[in-house]
């Protein structure tokens, strides 16, 4: 790839990132609900309503609950990557893109990268609220930053799955509906909501280095499988 092709590739990605961000700005209410209000309300309700019953005190529960809330906040947002693609296809914008002389994968990669900023804002809001309520990360600032990056990377890998679903689905509502079916049962089976003593042993405990590396490996595996598959389906999809 020569310099001009590289430049045009990054330019195309940047344009689609800007396009996705403009769409987010046009739907600020939904964005604020998902990235700001939802994590704050979830933290307040579970910490002060259920914290004493589950962990004995709200302070002890918050230390246990907040890391799980970061995941709970971010993963449902990964569906937006798929709905954005599905909306473009359903509205015929996809057909227009196929006739334009730019690097076609940019129309998938751009929204995915922009969603990373959405994830980051949501995580920072949830984490900042937790700190104000009394949460203190045991790993310090460095550990907290690494944990946040880990969650964002996990969300990015999962978003490829919903991007693929967005290409295959006929309506954006189908993409969001699939997230309800697959994601929420897994999220609410988490040990952050109930006492884990009656759950299988593998669902509890503290993650060690091997667990973290295994999690990173799963993220990479999801990207290796679903990124090429998503691109192939997108680039070979017949015009409507």
Foldseek 3Di string as FASTA:
>chain_A
DDPVLVVLQVVLLQVLLVVLVVVCVVVVVVLCVLQAVVLLVVLVCCLPPVVCVAPNHSQRLLQVQLLLSLLVSQQLLLLVLLLVLLVCQLVQVLVVLVVDPGDVCSNNNNNLVSVLVSSVSSNCNNVVSSVVVPHDDPVHPVVVVVSSVLSSLLSSLVSLVSNLVSLVDNHSVVSSVVCVVPPVVVSVVACSRHPCPPPPPVRDDDDDPVNSVVSVVVSVVSCVPRVVVSVVSSVPPDHD
